[in-house]
């Protein structure tokens, strides 16, 4: 699991997410200390394409369509030593609060 921690807070009524699914995901990202990084973002993600990062991609494959979850990613499963070039710095542990919209 690479240190990924996941808690599906609402399973929803959908099928399990599969490799190759295209998902609309609404999420917020904060540091482990609770500092907000990104709020209320919605992205379309192709499962198995490692975007925005491999840890989130792996976590999505453990969820169901229409579910909500809290995902904690160690830096090596998120953006590592590089960060995202915007708000995520080097070696940051990230907490995602996410909802799969479809």
PDB file of N, CA and C in Angstrom:
ATOM      1  N   UNK A   1       0.812  -1.207   0.000  1.00  0.00           N
ATOM      2  CA  UNK A   1       0.000   0.000   0.000  1.00  0.00           C
ATOM      3  C   UNK A   1       0.849   1.262   0.000  1.00  0.00           C
ATOM      4  N   UNK A   2       2.161   1.157   0.228  1.00  0.00           N
ATOM      5  CA  UNK A   2       3.046   2.315   0.138  1.00  0.00           C
ATOM      6  C   UNK A   2       2.780   3.385   1.166  1.00  0.00           C
ATOM      7  N   UNK A   3       2.111   3.046   2.271  1.00  0.00           N
ATOM      8  CA  UNK A   3       1.818   4.031   3.303  1.00  0.00           C
ATOM      9  C   UNK A   3       0.537   4.798   3.103  1.00  0.00           C
ATOM     10  N   UNK A   4      -0.214   4.478   2.073  1.00  0.00           N
ATOM     11  CA  UNK A   4      -1.484   5.156   1.814  1.00  0.00           C
ATOM     12  C   UNK A   4      -2.495   4.729   2.873  1.00  0.00           C
ATOM     13  N   UNK A   5      -3.189   5.688   3.444  1.00  0.00           N
ATOM     14  CA  UNK A   5      -4.269   5.409   4.394  1.00  0.00           C
ATOM     15  C   UNK A   5      -5.562   5.923   3.791  1.00  0.00           C
ATOM     16  N   UNK A   6      -6.591   5.086   3.836  1.00  0.00           N
ATOM     17  CA  UNK A   6      -7.842   5.416   3.176  1.00  0.00           C
ATOM     18  C   UNK A   6      -8.999   5.043   4.087  1.00  0.00           C
ATOM     19  N   UNK A   7      -9.965   5.930   4.172  1.00  0.00           N
ATOM     20  CA  UNK A   7     -11.199   5.629   4.888  1.00  0.00           C
ATOM     21  C   UNK A   7     -12.348   6.076   4.006  1.00  0.00           C
ATOM     22  N   UNK A   8     -13.105   5.103   3.519  1.00  0.00           N
ATOM     23  CA  UNK A   8     -14.277   5.404   2.701  1.00  0.00           C
ATOM     24  C   UNK A   8     -15.387   5.814   3.657  1.00  0.00           C
ATOM     25  N   UNK A   9     -15.736   7.098   3.673  1.00  0.00           N
ATOM     26  CA  UNK A   9     -16.698   7.608   4.632  1.00  0.00           C
ATOM     27  C   UNK A   9     -18.140   7.393   4.186  1.00  0.00           C
ATOM     28  N   UNK A  10     -18.350   7.214   2.907  1.00  0.00           N
ATOM     29  CA  UNK A  10     -19.670   6.921   2.357  1.00  0.00           C
ATOM     30  C   UNK A  10     -19.460   6.095   1.098  1.00  0.00           C
ATOM     31  N   UNK A  11     -19.915   4.850   1.120  1.00  0.00           N
ATOM     32  CA  UNK A  11     -19.642   3.956   0.000  1.00  0.00           C
ATOM     33  C   UNK A  11     -20.413   4.317  -1.250  1.00  0.00           C
ATOM     34  N   UNK A  12     -21.479   5.003  -1.120  1.00  0.00           N
ATOM     35  CA  UNK A  12     -22.267   5.332  -2.301  1.00  0.00           C
ATOM     36  C   UNK A  12     -22.987   4.099  -2.815  1.00  0.00           C
ATOM     37  N   UNK A  13     -23.620   4.225  -3.955  1.00  0.00           N
ATOM     38  CA  UNK A  13     -24.404   3.116  -4.491  1.00  0.00           C
ATOM     39  C   UNK A  13     -23.844   2.621  -5.820  1.00  0.00           C
ATOM     40  N   UNK A  14     -22.597   2.930  -6.073  1.00  0.00           N
ATOM     41  CA  UNK A  14     -22.018   2.575  -7.363  1.00  0.00           C
ATOM     42  C   UNK A  14     -21.155   1.332  -7.321  1.00  0.00           C
ATOM     43  N   UNK A  15     -20.700   0.943  -8.489  1.00  0.00           N
ATOM     44  CA  UNK A  15     -19.807  -0.194  -8.648  1.00  0.00           C
ATOM     45  C   UNK A  15     -18.400   0.193  -8.181  1.00  0.00           C
ATOM     46  N   UNK A  16     -17.556  -0.790  -7.893  1.00  0.00           N
ATOM     47  CA  UNK A  16     -16.165  -0.470  -7.575  1.00  0.00           C
ATOM     48  C   UNK A  16     -15.496   0.249  -8.751  1.00  0.00           C
ATOM     49  N   UNK A  17     -14.617   1.178  -8.441  1.00  0.00           N
ATOM     50  CA  UNK A  17     -13.859   1.879  -9.473  1.00  0.00           C
ATOM     51  C   UNK A  17     -12.876   0.893 -10.089  1.00  0.00           C
ATOM     52  N   UNK A  18     -12.742   0.936 -11.395  1.00  0.00           N
ATOM     53  CA  UNK A  18     -11.869   0.017 -12.111  1.00  0.00           C
ATOM     54  C   UNK A  18     -10.827   0.777 -12.922  1.00  0.00           C
ATOM     55  N   UNK A  19      -9.746   0.085 -13.227  1.00  0.00           N
ATOM     56  CA  UNK A  19      -8.710   0.624 -14.094  1.00  0.00           C
ATOM     57  C   UNK A  19      -9.358   1.045 -15.418  1.00  0.00           C
ATOM     58  N   UNK A  20      -9.041   2.240 -15.874  1.00  0.00           N
ATOM     59  CA  UNK A  20      -9.582   2.741 -17.131  1.00  0.00           C
ATOM     60  C   UNK A  20     -10.837   3.581 -16.982  1.00  0.00           C
ATOM     61  N   UNK A  21     -11.479   3.565 -15.807  1.00  0.00           N
ATOM     62  CA  UNK A  21     -12.659   4.403 -15.595  1.00  0.00           C
ATOM     63  C   UNK A  21     -12.279   5.878 -15.670  1.00  0.00           C
ATOM     64  N   UNK A  22     -13.175   6.699 -16.169  1.00  0.00           N
ATOM     65  CA  UNK A  22     -13.008   8.148 -16.148  1.00  0.00           C
ATOM     66  C   UNK A  22     -13.947   8.688 -15.085  1.00  0.00           C
ATOM     67  N   UNK A  23     -13.365   9.395 -14.109  1.00  0.00           N
ATOM     68  CA  UNK A  23     -14.123   9.859 -12.955  1.00  0.00           C
ATOM     69  C   UNK A  23     -14.120  11.376 -12.865  1.00  0.00           C
ATOM     70  N   UNK A  24     -15.245  11.927 -12.443  1.00  0.00           N
ATOM     71  CA  UNK A  24     -15.305  13.316 -12.025  1.00  0.00           C
ATOM     72  C   UNK A  24     -15.139  13.292 -10.501  1.00  0.00           C
ATOM     73  N   UNK A  25     -14.087  13.944 -10.008  1.00  0.00           N
ATOM     74  CA  UNK A  25     -13.774  13.901  -8.584  1.00  0.00           C
ATOM     75  C   UNK A  25     -13.685  15.324  -8.052  1.00  0.00           C
ATOM     76  N   UNK A  26     -14.446  15.600  -6.989  1.00  0.00           N
ATOM     77  CA  UNK A  26     -14.365  16.874  -6.284  1.00  0.00           C
ATOM     78  C   UNK A  26     -13.566  16.622  -5.008  1.00  0.00           C
ATOM     79  N   UNK A  27     -12.590  17.497  -4.730  1.00  0.00           N
ATOM     80  CA  UNK A  27     -11.727  17.235  -3.586  1.00  0.00           C
ATOM     81  C   UNK A  27     -11.132  18.514  -3.016  1.00  0.00           C
ATOM     82  N   UNK A  28     -10.688  18.390  -1.777  1.00  0.00           N
ATOM     83  CA  UNK A  28      -9.857  19.388  -1.135  1.00  0.00           C
ATOM     84  C   UNK A  28      -8.575  18.682  -0.724  1.00  0.00           C
ATOM     85  N   UNK A  29      -7.502  19.444  -0.625  1.00  0.00           N
ATOM     86  CA  UNK A  29      -6.216  18.911  -0.205  1.00  0.00           C
ATOM     87  C   UNK A  29      -5.691  19.807   0.913  1.00  0.00           C
ATOM     88  N   UNK A  30      -5.212  19.168   1.977  1.00  0.00           N
ATOM     89  CA  UNK A  30      -4.579  19.911   3.064  1.00  0.00           C
ATOM     90  C   UNK A  30      -3.333  19.167   3.515  1.00  0.00           C
ATOM     91  N   UNK A  31      -2.499  19.850   4.273  1.00  0.00           N
ATOM     92  CA  UNK A  31      -1.326  19.205   4.835  1.00  0.00           C
ATOM     93  C   UNK A  31      -1.772  18.332   6.000  1.00  0.00           C
ATOM     94  N   UNK A  32      -0.895  17.477   6.457  1.00  0.00           N
ATOM     95  CA  UNK A  32      -1.210  16.628   7.606  1.00  0.00           C
ATOM     96  C   UNK A  32      -1.513  17.476   8.835  1.00  0.00           C
ATOM     97  N   UNK A  33      -0.940  18.670   8.896  1.00  0.00           N
ATOM     98  CA  UNK A  33      -1.196  19.592  10.003  1.00  0.00           C
ATOM     99  C   UNK A  33      -2.493  20.369   9.872  1.00  0.00           C
ATOM    100  N   UNK A  34      -3.225  20.179   8.769  1.00  0.00           N
ATOM    101  CA  UNK A  34      -4.516  20.831   8.588  1.00  0.00           C
ATOM    102  C   UNK A  34      -4.494  22.124   7.801  1.00  0.00           C
ATOM    103  N   UNK A  35      -3.345  22.515   7.272  1.00  0.00           N
ATOM    104  CA  UNK A  35      -3.283  23.737   6.473  1.00  0.00           C
ATOM    105  C   UNK A  35      -3.847  23.475   5.081  1.00  0.00           C
ATOM    106  N   UNK A  36      -4.789  24.297   4.622  1.00  0.00           N
ATOM    107  CA  UNK A  36      -5.372  24.079   3.297  1.00  0.00           C
ATOM    108  C   UNK A  36      -4.357  24.308   2.183  1.00  0.00           C
ATOM    109  N   UNK A  37      -4.420  23.447   1.180  1.00  0.00           N
ATOM    110  CA  UNK A  37      -3.564  23.573   0.003  1.00  0.00           C
ATOM    111  C   UNK A  37      -4.435  23.913  -1.205  1.00  0.00           C
ATOM    112  N   UNK A  38      -5.417  23.084  -1.486  1.00  0.00           N
ATOM    113  CA  UNK A  38      -6.393  23.326  -2.556  1.00  0.00           C
ATOM    114  C   UNK A  38      -7.783  23.060  -1.980  1.00  0.00           C
ATOM    115  N   UNK A  39      -8.741  23.894  -2.332  1.00  0.00           N
ATOM    116  CA  UNK A  39     -10.101  23.699  -1.844  1.00  0.00           C
ATOM    117  C   UNK A  39     -11.068  23.617  -3.018  1.00  0.00           C
ATOM    118  N   UNK A  40     -12.045  22.755  -2.863  1.00  0.00           N
ATOM    119  CA  UNK A  40     -13.156  22.635  -3.812  1.00  0.00           C
ATOM    120  C   UNK A  40     -12.730  22.554  -5.275  1.00  0.00           C
ATOM    121  N   UNK A  41     -11.828  21.655  -5.565  1.00  0.00           N
ATOM    122  CA  UNK A  41     -11.413  21.418  -6.953  1.00  0.00           C
ATOM    123  C   UNK A  41     -12.223  20.264  -7.517  1.00  0.00           C
ATOM    124  N   UNK A  42     -12.547  20.346  -8.784  1.00  0.00           N
ATOM    125  CA  UNK A  42     -13.185  19.235  -9.486  1.00  0.00           C
ATOM    126  C   UNK A  42     -12.360  18.956 -10.726  1.00  0.00           C
ATOM    127  N   UNK A  43     -11.940  17.699 -10.849  1.00  0.00           N
ATOM    128  CA  UNK A  43     -11.145  17.285 -11.993  1.00  0.00           C
ATOM    129  C   UNK A  43     -11.727  16.014 -12.586  1.00  0.00           C
ATOM    130  N   UNK A  44     -11.459  15.810 -13.849  1.00  0.00           N
ATOM    131  CA  UNK A  44     -11.778  14.551 -14.505  1.00  0.00           C
ATOM    132  C   UNK A  44     -10.495  13.734 -14.533  1.00  0.00           C
ATOM    133  N   UNK A  45     -10.541  12.557 -13.933  1.00  0.00           N
ATOM    134  CA  UNK A  45      -9.355  11.718 -13.799  1.00  0.00           C
ATOM    135  C   UNK A  45      -9.573  10.386 -14.495  1.00  0.00           C
ATOM    136  N   UNK A  46      -8.580   9.941 -15.217  1.00  0.00           N
ATOM    137  CA  UNK A  46      -8.606   8.624 -15.861  1.00  0.00           C
ATOM    138  C   UNK A  46      -7.851   7.660 -14.951  1.00  0.00           C
ATOM    139  N   UNK A  47      -8.556   6.726 -14.355  1.00  0.00           N
ATOM    140  CA  UNK A  47      -7.956   5.792 -13.402  1.00  0.00           C
ATOM    141  C   UNK A  47      -6.932   4.916 -14.111  1.00  0.00           C
ATOM    142  N   UNK A  48      -5.740   4.846 -13.529  1.00  0.00           N
ATOM    143  CA  UNK A  48      -4.655   4.096 -14.121  1.00  0.00           C
ATOM    144  C   UNK A  48      -3.677   4.964 -14.890  1.00  0.00           C
ATOM    145  N   UNK A  49      -3.925   6.255 -14.936  1.00  0.00           N
ATOM    146  CA  UNK A  49      -3.057   7.176 -15.669  1.00  0.00           C
ATOM    147  C   UNK A  49      -2.129   7.967 -14.745  1.00  0.00           C
ATOM    148  N   UNK A  50      -2.176   7.672 -13.435  1.00  0.00           N
ATOM    149  CA  UNK A  50      -1.300   8.279 -12.436  1.00  0.00           C
ATOM    150  C   UNK A  50      -1.453   9.792 -12.322  1.00  0.00           C
ATOM    151  N   UNK A  51      -2.631  10.311 -12.603  1.00  0.00           N
ATOM    152  CA  UNK A  51      -2.842  11.746 -12.473  1.00  0.00           C
ATOM    153  C   UNK A  51      -3.912  11.993 -11.426  1.00  0.00           C
ATOM    154  N   UNK A  52      -3.764  12.914 -10.503  1.00  0.00           N
ATOM    155  CA  UNK A  52      -2.619  13.795 -10.397  1.00  0.00           C
ATOM    156  C   UNK A  52      -1.367  13.138  -9.799  1.00  0.00           C
ATOM    157  N   UNK A  53      -1.494  12.000  -9.113  1.00  0.00           N
ATOM    158  CA  UNK A  53      -0.318  11.310  -8.587  1.00  0.00           C
ATOM    159  C   UNK A  53      -0.638   9.836  -8.369  1.00  0.00           C
ATOM    160  N   UNK A  54       0.396   9.026  -8.239  1.00  0.00           N
ATOM    161  CA  UNK A  54       0.185   7.579  -8.171  1.00  0.00           C
ATOM    162  C   UNK A  54      -0.543   7.129  -6.913  1.00  0.00           C
ATOM    163  N   UNK A  55      -0.349   7.812  -5.800  1.00  0.00           N
ATOM    164  CA  UNK A  55      -1.048   7.433  -4.572  1.00  0.00           C
ATOM    165  C   UNK A  55      -2.545   7.657  -4.664  1.00  0.00           C
ATOM    166  N   UNK A  56      -2.942   8.798  -5.204  1.00  0.00           N
ATOM    167  CA  UNK A  56      -4.369   9.072  -5.370  1.00  0.00           C
ATOM    168  C   UNK A  56      -4.969   8.103  -6.372  1.00  0.00           C
ATOM    169  N   UNK A  57      -4.234   7.804  -7.424  1.00  0.00           N
ATOM    170  CA  UNK A  57      -4.693   6.848  -8.418  1.00  0.00           C
ATOM    171  C   UNK A  57      -4.956   5.483  -7.773  1.00  0.00           C
ATOM    172  N   UNK A  58      -4.031   5.017  -6.944  1.00  0.00           N
ATOM    173  CA  UNK A  58      -4.198   3.731  -6.256  1.00  0.00           C
ATOM    174  C   UNK A  58      -5.376   3.776  -5.285  1.00  0.00           C
ATOM    175  N   UNK A  59      -5.534   4.882  -4.582  1.00  0.00           N
ATOM    176  CA  UNK A  59      -6.644   5.015  -3.637  1.00  0.00           C
ATOM    177  C   UNK A  59      -7.994   4.969  -4.357  1.00  0.00           C
ATOM    178  N   UNK A  60      -8.085   5.637  -5.498  1.00  0.00           N
ATOM    179  CA  UNK A  60      -9.348   5.634  -6.246  1.00  0.00           C
ATOM    180  C   UNK A  60      -9.770   4.221  -6.625  1.00  0.00           C
ATOM    181  N   UNK A  61      -8.799   3.360  -6.933  1.00  0.00           N
ATOM    182  CA  UNK A  61      -9.120   1.977  -7.317  1.00  0.00           C
ATOM    183  C   UNK A  61      -9.602   1.138  -6.140  1.00  0.00           C
ATOM    184  N   UNK A  62      -9.554   1.701  -4.928  1.00  0.00           N
ATOM    185  CA  UNK A  62     -10.063   1.014  -3.739  1.00  0.00           C
ATOM    186  C   UNK A  62     -11.459   1.493  -3.360  1.00  0.00           C
ATOM    187  N   UNK A  63     -12.012   2.404  -4.151  1.00  0.00           N
ATOM    188  CA  UNK A  63     -13.295   3.020  -3.814  1.00  0.00           C
ATOM    189  C   UNK A  63     -14.405   2.567  -4.762  1.00  0.00           C
ATOM    190  N   UNK A  64     -15.595   3.102  -4.537  1.00  0.00           N
ATOM    191  CA  UNK A  64     -16.766   2.840  -5.366  1.00  0.00           C
ATOM    192  C   UNK A  64     -17.217   4.148  -6.013  1.00  0.00           C
ATOM    193  N   UNK A  65     -17.878   4.035  -7.147  1.00  0.00           N
ATOM    194  CA  UNK A  65     -18.499   5.205  -7.769  1.00  0.00           C
ATOM    195  C   UNK A  65     -19.482   5.820  -6.777  1.00  0.00           C
ATOM    196  N   UNK A  66     -19.584   7.126  -6.767  1.00  0.00           N
ATOM    197  CA  UNK A  66     -20.483   7.906  -5.903  1.00  0.00           C
ATOM    198  C   UNK A  66     -20.102   7.825  -4.432  1.00  0.00           C
ATOM    199  N   UNK A  67     -18.862   7.514  -4.120  1.00  0.00           N
ATOM    200  CA  UNK A  67     -18.455   7.434  -2.718  1.00  0.00           C
ATOM    201  C   UNK A  67     -17.693   8.684  -2.297  1.00  0.00           C
ATOM    202  N   UNK A  68     -17.500   8.787  -0.992  1.00  0.00           N
ATOM    203  CA  UNK A  68     -16.691   9.842  -0.381  1.00  0.00           C
ATOM    204  C   UNK A  68     -15.612   9.159   0.438  1.00  0.00           C
ATOM    205  N   UNK A  69     -14.443   9.817   0.535  1.00  0.00           N
ATOM    206  CA  UNK A  69     -13.361   9.201   1.287  1.00  0.00           C
ATOM    207  C   UNK A  69     -12.371  10.245   1.776  1.00  0.00           C
ATOM    208  N   UNK A  70     -11.635   9.854   2.802  1.00  0.00           N
ATOM    209  CA  UNK A  70     -10.467  10.584   3.270  1.00  0.00           C
ATOM    210  C   UNK A  70      -9.260   9.742   2.909  1.00  0.00           C
ATOM    211  N   UNK A  71      -8.288  10.340   2.242  1.00  0.00           N
ATOM    212  CA  UNK A  71      -7.090   9.629   1.807  1.00  0.00           C
ATOM    213  C   UNK A  71      -5.873  10.398   2.309  1.00  0.00           C
ATOM    214  N   UNK A  72      -4.977   9.700   3.010  1.00  0.00           N
ATOM    215  CA  UNK A  72      -3.724  10.294   3.469  1.00  0.00           C
ATOM    216  C   UNK A  72      -2.594   9.686   2.648  1.00  0.00           C
ATOM    217  N   UNK A  73      -1.830  10.546   1.992  1.00  0.00           N
ATOM    218  CA  UNK A  73      -0.746  10.095   1.121  1.00  0.00           C
ATOM    219  C   UNK A  73       0.603  10.579   1.639  1.00  0.00           C
ATOM    220  N   UNK A  74       1.533   9.656   1.877  1.00  0.00           N
ATOM    221  CA  UNK A  74       2.891  10.099   2.192  1.00  0.00           C
ATOM    222  C   UNK A  74       3.500  10.762   0.954  1.00  0.00           C
ATOM    223  N   UNK A  75       4.502  11.572   1.157  1.00  0.00           N
ATOM    224  CA  UNK A  75       5.047  12.354   0.036  1.00  0.00           C
ATOM    225  C   UNK A  75       5.507  11.485  -1.127  1.00  0.00           C
ATOM    226  N   UNK A  76       6.065  10.303  -0.847  1.00  0.00           N
ATOM    227  CA  UNK A  76       6.545   9.463  -1.947  1.00  0.00           C
ATOM    228  C   UNK A  76       5.413   8.881  -2.784  1.00  0.00           C
ATOM    229  N   UNK A  77       4.188   8.903  -2.289  1.00  0.00           N
ATOM    230  CA  UNK A  77       3.026   8.467  -3.052  1.00  0.00           C
ATOM    231  C   UNK A  77       2.269   9.655  -3.645  1.00  0.00           C
ATOM    232  N   UNK A  78       2.702  10.860  -3.283  1.00  0.00           N
ATOM    233  CA  UNK A  78       2.043  12.070  -3.776  1.00  0.00           C
ATOM    234  C   UNK A  78       2.969  12.797  -4.751  1.00  0.00           C
ATOM    235  N   UNK A  79       3.576  13.888  -4.314  1.00  0.00           N
ATOM    236  CA  UNK A  79       4.392  14.702  -5.211  1.00  0.00           C
ATOM    237  C   UNK A  79       5.874  14.677  -4.870  1.00  0.00           C
ATOM    238  N   UNK A  80       6.279  13.848  -3.879  1.00  0.00           N
ATOM    239  CA  UNK A  80       7.680  13.602  -3.571  1.00  0.00           C
ATOM    240  C   UNK A  80       8.505  14.836  -3.275  1.00  0.00           C
ATOM    241  N   UNK A  81       9.752  14.801  -3.704  1.00  0.00           N
ATOM    242  CA  UNK A  81      10.674  15.899  -3.431  1.00  0.00           C
ATOM    243  C   UNK A  81      10.466  17.083  -4.372  1.00  0.00           C
ATOM    244  N   UNK A  82       9.709  16.903  -5.420  1.00  0.00           N
ATOM    245  CA  UNK A  82       9.517  17.959  -6.414  1.00  0.00           C
ATOM    246  C   UNK A  82       8.368  18.900  -6.045  1.00  0.00           C
ATOM    247  N   UNK A  83       7.309  18.377  -5.403  1.00  0.00           N
ATOM    248  CA  UNK A  83       6.111  19.177  -5.197  1.00  0.00           C
ATOM    249  C   UNK A  83       5.334  19.271  -6.496  1.00  0.00           C
ATOM    250  N   UNK A  84       4.341  20.120  -6.529  1.00  0.00           N
ATOM    251  CA  UNK A  84       3.565  20.250  -7.769  1.00  0.00           C
ATOM    252  C   UNK A  84       3.912  21.516  -8.544  1.00  0.00           C
ATOM    253  N   UNK A  85       4.902  22.258  -8.074  1.00  0.00           N
ATOM    254  CA  UNK A  85       5.303  23.482  -8.760  1.00  0.00           C
ATOM    255  C   UNK A  85       4.394  24.658  -8.484  1.00  0.00           C
ATOM    256  N   UNK A  86       3.391  24.455  -7.624  1.00  0.00           N
ATOM    257  CA  UNK A  86       2.459  25.531  -7.297  1.00  0.00           C
ATOM    258  C   UNK A  86       2.358  25.681  -5.776  1.00  0.00           C
ATOM    259  N   UNK A  87       1.476  24.920  -5.150  1.00  0.00           N
ATOM    260  CA  UNK A  87       1.238  25.074  -3.716  1.00  0.00           C
ATOM    261  C   UNK A  87       1.772  23.921  -2.866  1.00  0.00           C
ATOM    262  N   UNK A  88       2.062  22.795  -3.490  1.00  0.00           N
ATOM    263  CA  UNK A  88       2.541  21.637  -2.742  1.00  0.00           C
ATOM    264  C   UNK A  88       4.066  21.635  -2.777  1.00  0.00           C
ATOM    265  N   UNK A  89       4.650  21.752  -1.589  1.00  0.00           N
ATOM    266  CA  UNK A  89       6.096  21.794  -1.476  1.00  0.00           C
ATOM    267  C   UNK A  89       6.712  20.406  -1.458  1.00  0.00           C
ATOM    268  N   UNK A  90       7.985  20.361  -1.191  1.00  0.00           N
ATOM    269  CA  UNK A  90       8.705  19.096  -1.169  1.00  0.00           C
ATOM    270  C   UNK A  90       8.348  18.272   0.055  1.00  0.00           C
ATOM    271  N   UNK A  91       8.277  16.971  -0.145  1.00  0.00           N
ATOM    272  CA  UNK A  91       8.079  15.979   0.922  1.00  0.00           C
ATOM    273  C   UNK A  91       6.859  16.250   1.805  1.00  0.00           C
ATOM    274  N   UNK A  92       5.777  16.725   1.219  1.00  0.00           N
ATOM    275  CA  UNK A  92       4.561  17.008   1.986  1.00  0.00           C
ATOM    276  C   UNK A  92       3.653  15.785   2.041  1.00  0.00           C
ATOM    277  N   UNK A  93       3.225  15.439   3.260  1.00  0.00           N
ATOM    278  CA  UNK A  93       2.175  14.438   3.446  1.00  0.00           C
ATOM    279  C   UNK A  93       0.863  15.160   3.193  1.00  0.00           C
ATOM    280  N   UNK A  94       0.005  14.573   2.355  1.00  0.00           N
ATOM    281  CA  UNK A  94      -1.238  15.236   1.946  1.00  0.00           C
ATOM    282  C   UNK A  94      -2.464  14.471   2.409  1.00  0.00           C
ATOM    283  N   UNK A  95      -3.505  15.217   2.761  1.00  0.00           N
ATOM    284  CA  UNK A  95      -4.790  14.638   3.138  1.00  0.00           C
ATOM    285  C   UNK A  95      -5.817  15.122   2.123  1.00  0.00           C
ATOM    286  N   UNK A  96      -6.431  14.175   1.419  1.00  0.00           N
ATOM    287  CA  UNK A  96      -7.487  14.469   0.455  1.00  0.00           C
ATOM    288  C   UNK A  96      -8.831  14.144   1.077  1.00  0.00           C
ATOM    289  N   UNK A  97      -9.787  15.045   0.951  1.00  0.00           N
ATOM    290  CA  UNK A  97     -11.194  14.771   1.226  1.00  0.00           C
ATOM    291  C   UNK A  97     -11.834  14.757  -0.153  1.00  0.00           C
ATOM    292  N   UNK A  98     -12.335  13.610  -0.572  1.00  0.00           N
ATOM    293  CA  UNK A  98     -12.804  13.544  -1.954  1.00  0.00           C
ATOM    294  C   UNK A  98     -14.183  12.908  -2.081  1.00  0.00           C
ATOM    295  N   UNK A  99     -14.814  13.266  -3.186  1.00  0.00           N
ATOM    296  CA  UNK A  99     -16.114  12.714  -3.559  1.00  0.00           C
ATOM    297  C   UNK A  99     -16.051  12.343  -5.031  1.00  0.00           C
ATOM    298  N   UNK A 100     -16.412  11.103  -5.318  1.00  0.00           N
ATOM    299  CA  UNK A 100     -16.493  10.657  -6.703  1.00  0.00           C
ATOM    300  C   UNK A 100     -17.903  10.980  -7.175  1.00  0.00           C
ATOM    301  N   UNK A 101     -18.012  11.829  -8.181  1.00  0.00           N
ATOM    302  CA  UNK A 101     -19.311  12.350  -8.618  1.00  0.00           C
ATOM    303  C   UNK A 101     -20.068  11.429  -9.564  1.00  0.00           C
ATOM    304  N   UNK A 102     -19.410  10.450 -10.134  1.00  0.00           N
ATOM    305  CA  UNK A 102     -20.108   9.569 -11.082  1.00  0.00           C
ATOM    306  C   UNK A 102     -19.849   8.118 -10.773  1.00  0.00           C
TER     307      UNK A 102
END
